[in-house]
Amino acid sequence: MNIFYLLIGVSLLAALIFLGAFIWAVRSGQFDDNETPSMRVLFDDDDVEQTSDKEEENNKK
């Protein structure tokens, strides 16, 4: 039964370590993406054209 207490303690310690690493990564800017938003303009977006075509057809009716 004592092994369960040890396993619970070790798993809580591991969870706290991973939580600390995640918080550190967020605060240090690991998930900031400054390049992609400026590149979105360069990609064609076919979904917008299809949506506008469908809206035009619905407006004609």
PDB file of N, CA and C in Angstrom:
ATOM      1  N   MET A   1       0.823  -1.199   0.000  1.00  0.00           N
ATOM      2  CA  MET A   1       0.000   0.000   0.000  1.00  0.00           C
ATOM      3  C   MET A   1       0.866   1.261   0.000  1.00  0.00           C
ATOM      4  N   ASN A   2       2.059   1.166   0.590  1.00  0.00           N
ATOM      5  CA  ASN A   2       2.937   2.332   0.629  1.00  0.00           C
ATOM      6  C   ASN A   2       3.421   2.716  -0.756  1.00  0.00           C
ATOM      7  N   ILE A   3       3.474   1.767  -1.665  1.00  0.00           N
ATOM      8  CA  ILE A   3       3.925   2.074  -3.023  1.00  0.00           C
ATOM      9  C   ILE A   3       2.954   3.014  -3.732  1.00  0.00           C
ATOM     10  N   PHE A   4       1.660   2.923  -3.390  1.00  0.00           N
ATOM     11  CA  PHE A   4       0.677   3.832  -3.990  1.00  0.00           C
ATOM     12  C   PHE A   4       0.968   5.280  -3.605  1.00  0.00           C
ATOM     13  N   TYR A   5       1.339   5.513  -2.355  1.00  0.00           N
ATOM     14  CA  TYR A   5       1.677   6.869  -1.921  1.00  0.00           C
ATOM     15  C   TYR A   5       2.899   7.381  -2.669  1.00  0.00           C
ATOM     16  N   LEU A   6       3.861   6.514  -2.869  1.00  0.00           N
ATOM     17  CA  LEU A   6       5.054   6.897  -3.621  1.00  0.00           C
ATOM     18  C   LEU A   6       4.702   7.214  -5.072  1.00  0.00           C
ATOM     19  N   LEU A   7       3.888   6.379  -5.704  1.00  0.00           N
ATOM     20  CA  LEU A   7       3.504   6.610  -7.098  1.00  0.00           C
ATOM     21  C   LEU A   7       2.685   7.882  -7.257  1.00  0.00           C
ATOM     22  N   ILE A   8       1.797   8.160  -6.324  1.00  0.00           N
ATOM     23  CA  ILE A   8       1.004   9.389  -6.387  1.00  0.00           C
ATOM     24  C   ILE A   8       1.915  10.602  -6.243  1.00  0.00           C
ATOM     25  N   GLY A   9       2.852  10.534  -5.331  1.00  0.00           N
ATOM     26  CA  GLY A   9       3.786  11.646  -5.142  1.00  0.00           C
ATOM     27  C   GLY A   9       4.652  11.879  -6.368  1.00  0.00           C
ATOM     28  N   VAL A  10       5.169  10.804  -6.948  1.00  0.00           N
ATOM     29  CA  VAL A  10       6.010  10.940  -8.136  1.00  0.00           C
ATOM     30  C   VAL A  10       5.200  11.477  -9.315  1.00  0.00           C
ATOM     31  N   SER A  11       3.966  11.020  -9.476  1.00  0.00           N
ATOM     32  CA  SER A  11       3.152  11.501 -10.601  1.00  0.00           C
ATOM     33  C   SER A  11       2.778  12.970 -10.418  1.00  0.00           C
ATOM     34  N   LEU A  12       2.499  13.394  -9.192  1.00  0.00           N
ATOM     35  CA  LEU A  12       2.218  14.808  -8.960  1.00  0.00           C
ATOM     36  C   LEU A  12       3.457  15.665  -9.215  1.00  0.00           C
ATOM     37  N   LEU A  13       4.605  15.185  -8.830  1.00  0.00           N
ATOM     38  CA  LEU A  13       5.845  15.903  -9.092  1.00  0.00           C
ATOM     39  C   LEU A  13       6.089  16.037 -10.597  1.00  0.00           C
ATOM     40  N   ALA A  14       5.884  14.952 -11.330  1.00  0.00           N
ATOM     41  CA  ALA A  14       6.063  14.990 -12.785  1.00  0.00           C
ATOM     42  C   ALA A  14       5.063  15.958 -13.429  1.00  0.00           C
ATOM     43  N   ALA A  15       3.822  15.958 -12.948  1.00  0.00           N
ATOM     44  CA  ALA A  15       2.814  16.870 -13.493  1.00  0.00           C
ATOM     45  C   ALA A  15       3.202  18.319 -13.231  1.00  0.00           C
ATOM     46  N   LEU A  16       3.712  18.612 -12.052  1.00  0.00           N
ATOM     47  CA  LEU A  16       4.131  19.980 -11.738  1.00  0.00           C
ATOM     48  C   LEU A  16       5.323  20.405 -12.583  1.00  0.00           C
ATOM     49  N   ILE A  17       6.226  19.489 -12.859  1.00  0.00           N
ATOM     50  CA  ILE A  17       7.372  19.807 -13.712  1.00  0.00           C
ATOM     51  C   ILE A  17       6.906  20.140 -15.138  1.00  0.00           C
ATOM     52  N   PHE A  18       5.993  19.331 -15.671  1.00  0.00           N
ATOM     53  CA  PHE A  18       5.485  19.605 -17.024  1.00  0.00           C
ATOM     54  C   PHE A  18       4.673  20.896 -17.058  1.00  0.00           C
ATOM     55  N   LEU A  19       3.916  21.176 -16.018  1.00  0.00           N
ATOM     56  CA  LEU A  19       3.164  22.433 -15.960  1.00  0.00           C
ATOM     57  C   LEU A  19       4.122  23.616 -15.912  1.00  0.00           C
ATOM     58  N   GLY A  20       5.171  23.512 -15.119  1.00  0.00           N
ATOM     59  CA  GLY A  20       6.164  24.584 -15.050  1.00  0.00           C
ATOM     60  C   GLY A  20       6.859  24.794 -16.382  1.00  0.00           C
ATOM     61  N   ALA A  21       7.190  23.706 -17.084  1.00  0.00           N
ATOM     62  CA  ALA A  21       7.831  23.820 -18.397  1.00  0.00           C
ATOM     63  C   ALA A  21       6.895  24.479 -19.404  1.00  0.00           C
ATOM     64  N   PHE A  22       5.615  24.150 -19.340  1.00  0.00           N
ATOM     65  CA  PHE A  22       4.642  24.753 -20.256  1.00  0.00           C
ATOM     66  C   PHE A  22       4.498  26.246 -19.980  1.00  0.00           C
ATOM     67  N   ILE A  23       4.382  26.614 -18.722  1.00  0.00           N
ATOM     68  CA  ILE A  23       4.254  28.033 -18.372  1.00  0.00           C
ATOM     69  C   ILE A  23       5.503  28.794 -18.791  1.00  0.00           C
ATOM     70  N   TRP A  24       6.681  28.210 -18.577  1.00  0.00           N
ATOM     71  CA  TRP A  24       7.924  28.857 -19.005  1.00  0.00           C
ATOM     72  C   TRP A  24       7.938  29.059 -20.517  1.00  0.00           C
ATOM     73  N   ALA A  25       7.498  28.050 -21.265  1.00  0.00           N
ATOM     74  CA  ALA A  25       7.499  28.149 -22.724  1.00  0.00           C
ATOM     75  C   ALA A  25       6.552  29.240 -23.206  1.00  0.00           C
ATOM     76  N   VAL A  26       5.393  29.362 -22.578  1.00  0.00           N
ATOM     77  CA  VAL A  26       4.435  30.388 -22.988  1.00  0.00           C
ATOM     78  C   VAL A  26       4.980  31.775 -22.677  1.00  0.00           C
ATOM     79  N   ARG A  27       5.555  31.940 -21.500  1.00  0.00           N
ATOM     80  CA  ARG A  27       6.065  33.259 -21.109  1.00  0.00           C
ATOM     81  C   ARG A  27       7.305  33.667 -21.895  1.00  0.00           C
ATOM     82  N   SER A  28       8.083  32.695 -22.352  1.00  0.00           N
ATOM     83  CA  SER A  28       9.297  33.040 -23.088  1.00  0.00           C
ATOM     84  C   SER A  28       9.030  33.241 -24.578  1.00  0.00           C
ATOM     85  N   GLY A  29       7.774  33.052 -25.011  1.00  0.00           N
ATOM     86  CA  GLY A  29       7.411  33.342 -26.397  1.00  0.00           C
ATOM     87  C   GLY A  29       7.613  32.195 -27.349  1.00  0.00           C
ATOM     88  N   GLN A  30       7.653  30.981 -26.853  1.00  0.00           N
ATOM     89  CA  GLN A  30       7.851  29.828 -27.719  1.00  0.00           C
ATOM     90  C   GLN A  30       6.689  29.614 -28.682  1.00  0.00           C
ATOM     91  N   PHE A  31       5.503  30.106 -28.331  1.00  0.00           N
ATOM     92  CA  PHE A  31       4.327  29.871 -29.160  1.00  0.00           C
ATOM     93  C   PHE A  31       3.919  31.098 -29.955  1.00  0.00           C
ATOM     94  N   ASP A  32       4.719  32.149 -29.926  1.00  0.00           N
ATOM     95  CA  ASP A  32       4.429  33.338 -30.713  1.00  0.00           C
ATOM     96  C   ASP A  32       4.821  33.083 -32.157  1.00  0.00           C
ATOM     97  N   ASP A  33       3.958  33.456 -33.060  1.00  0.00           N
ATOM     98  CA  ASP A  33       4.225  33.277 -34.481  1.00  0.00           C
ATOM     99  C   ASP A  33       4.031  34.623 -35.167  1.00  0.00           C
ATOM    100  N   ASN A  34       5.113  35.284 -35.438  1.00  0.00           N
ATOM    101  CA  ASN A  34       5.041  36.605 -36.053  1.00  0.00           C
ATOM    102  C   ASN A  34       5.130  36.560 -37.566  1.00  0.00           C
ATOM    103  N   GLU A  35       5.484  35.423 -38.126  1.00  0.00           N
ATOM    104  CA  GLU A  35       5.717  35.340 -39.554  1.00  0.00           C
ATOM    105  C   GLU A  35       4.476  34.922 -40.345  1.00  0.00           C
ATOM    106  N   THR A  36       3.726  33.983 -39.843  1.00  0.00           N
ATOM    107  CA  THR A  36       2.610  33.417 -40.596  1.00  0.00           C
ATOM    108  C   THR A  36       1.509  34.433 -40.927  1.00  0.00           C
ATOM    109  N   PRO A  37       1.084  35.309 -40.010  1.00  0.00           N
ATOM    110  CA  PRO A  37       0.013  36.243 -40.382  1.00  0.00           C
ATOM    111  C   PRO A  37       0.359  37.110 -41.587  1.00  0.00           C
ATOM    112  N   SER A  38       1.613  37.511 -41.727  1.00  0.00           N
ATOM    113  CA  SER A  38       1.971  38.339 -42.881  1.00  0.00           C
ATOM    114  C   SER A  38       2.042  37.527 -44.164  1.00  0.00           C
ATOM    115  N   MET A  39       2.198  36.217 -44.053  1.00  0.00           N
ATOM    116  CA  MET A  39       2.280  35.366 -45.237  1.00  0.00           C
ATOM    117  C   MET A  39       0.909  34.883 -45.703  1.00  0.00           C
ATOM    118  N   ARG A  40      -0.104  35.032 -44.882  1.00  0.00           N
ATOM    119  CA  ARG A  40      -1.449  34.582 -45.267  1.00  0.00           C
ATOM    120  C   ARG A  40      -1.986  35.339 -46.470  1.00  0.00           C
ATOM    121  N   VAL A  41      -1.537  36.553 -46.649  1.00  0.00           N
ATOM    122  CA  VAL A  41      -1.984  37.360 -47.779  1.00  0.00           C
ATOM    123  C   VAL A  41      -1.551  36.721 -49.098  1.00  0.00           C
ATOM    124  N   LEU A  42      -0.453  36.006 -49.083  1.00  0.00           N
ATOM    125  CA  LEU A  42       0.094  35.433 -50.306  1.00  0.00           C
ATOM    126  C   LEU A  42      -0.631  34.177 -50.765  1.00  0.00           C
ATOM    127  N   PHE A  43      -1.368  33.537 -49.885  1.00  0.00           N
ATOM    128  CA  PHE A  43      -2.049  32.290 -50.236  1.00  0.00           C
ATOM    129  C   PHE A  43      -3.439  32.579 -50.795  1.00  0.00           C
ATOM    130  N   ASP A  44      -3.800  31.846 -51.837  1.00  0.00           N
ATOM    131  CA  ASP A  44      -5.141  31.975 -52.388  1.00  0.00           C
ATOM    132  C   ASP A  44      -6.120  31.274 -51.467  1.00  0.00           C
ATOM    133  N   ASP A  45      -7.262  31.893 -51.307  1.00  0.00           N
ATOM    134  CA  ASP A  45      -8.284  31.319 -50.444  1.00  0.00           C
ATOM    135  C   ASP A  45      -9.500  30.995 -51.303  1.00  0.00           C
ATOM    136  N   ASP A  46      -9.587  29.761 -51.773  1.00  0.00           N
ATOM    137  CA  ASP A  46     -10.668  29.360 -52.664  1.00  0.00           C
ATOM    138  C   ASP A  46     -12.011  29.319 -51.953  1.00  0.00           C
ATOM    139  N   ASP A  47     -12.012  29.073 -50.660  1.00  0.00           N
ATOM    140  CA  ASP A  47     -13.271  28.984 -49.920  1.00  0.00           C
ATOM    141  C   ASP A  47     -14.028  30.304 -49.958  1.00  0.00           C
ATOM    142  N   VAL A  48     -13.326  31.418 -49.921  1.00  0.00           N
ATOM    143  CA  VAL A  48     -13.977  32.721 -49.934  1.00  0.00           C
ATOM    144  C   VAL A  48     -14.649  32.948 -51.279  1.00  0.00           C
ATOM    145  N   GLU A  49     -13.998  32.559 -52.357  1.00  0.00           N
ATOM    146  CA  GLU A  49     -14.578  32.746 -53.681  1.00  0.00           C
ATOM    147  C   GLU A  49     -15.820  31.885 -53.859  1.00  0.00           C
ATOM    148  N   GLN A  50     -15.775  30.655 -53.391  1.00  0.00           N
ATOM    149  CA  GLN A  50     -16.931  29.775 -53.515  1.00  0.00           C
ATOM    150  C   GLN A  50     -18.089  30.298 -52.680  1.00  0.00           C
ATOM    151  N   THR A  51     -17.787  30.815 -51.494  1.00  0.00           N
ATOM    152  CA  THR A  51     -18.837  31.354 -50.641  1.00  0.00           C
ATOM    153  C   THR A  51     -19.474  32.572 -51.292  1.00  0.00           C
ATOM    154  N   SER A  52     -18.673  33.454 -51.886  1.00  0.00           N
ATOM    155  CA  SER A  52     -19.226  34.648 -52.517  1.00  0.00           C
ATOM    156  C   SER A  52     -20.057  34.266 -53.743  1.00  0.00           C
ATOM    157  N   ASP A  53     -19.661  33.221 -54.488  1.00  0.00           N
ATOM    158  CA  ASP A  53     -20.443  32.763 -55.627  1.00  0.00           C
ATOM    159  C   ASP A  53     -21.799  32.239 -55.171  1.00  0.00           C
ATOM    160  N   LYS A  54     -21.822  31.495 -54.097  1.00  0.00           N
ATOM    161  CA  LYS A  54     -23.084  30.962 -53.579  1.00  0.00           C
ATOM    162  C   LYS A  54     -23.979  32.075 -53.093  1.00  0.00           C
ATOM    163  N   GLU A  55     -23.383  33.100 -52.456  1.00  0.00           N
ATOM    164  CA  GLU A  55     -24.179  34.235 -51.995  1.00  0.00           C
ATOM    165  C   GLU A  55     -24.792  34.994 -53.168  1.00  0.00           C
ATOM    166  N   GLU A  56     -24.024  35.132 -54.259  1.00  0.00           N
ATOM    167  CA  GLU A  56     -24.551  35.810 -55.437  1.00  0.00           C
ATOM    168  C   GLU A  56     -25.703  35.046 -56.038  1.00  0.00           C
ATOM    169  N   GLU A  57     -25.611  33.715 -56.082  1.00  0.00           N
ATOM    170  CA  GLU A  57     -26.694  32.907 -56.616  1.00  0.00           C
ATOM    171  C   GLU A  57     -27.936  33.031 -55.759  1.00  0.00           C
ATOM    172  N   ASN A  58     -27.752  33.053 -54.446  1.00  0.00           N
ATOM    173  CA  ASN A  58     -28.894  33.189 -53.542  1.00  0.00           C
ATOM    174  C   ASN A  58     -29.523  34.580 -53.672  1.00  0.00           C
ATOM    175  N   ASN A  59     -28.739  35.599 -53.926  1.00  0.00           N
ATOM    176  CA  ASN A  59     -29.282  36.951 -54.073  1.00  0.00           C
ATOM    177  C   ASN A  59     -30.062  37.099 -55.374  1.00  0.00           C
ATOM    178  N   LYS A  60     -29.673  36.346 -56.422  1.00  0.00           N
ATOM    179  CA  LYS A  60     -30.381  36.409 -57.700  1.00  0.00           C
ATOM    180  C   LYS A  60     -31.776  35.829 -57.604  1.00  0.00           C
ATOM    181  N   LYS A  61     -31.939  34.846 -56.731  1.00  0.00           N
ATOM    182  CA  LYS A  61     -33.248  34.174 -56.602  1.00  0.00           C
ATOM    183  C   LYS A  61     -34.166  35.029 -55.844  1.00  0.00           C
TER     184      LYS A  61
END
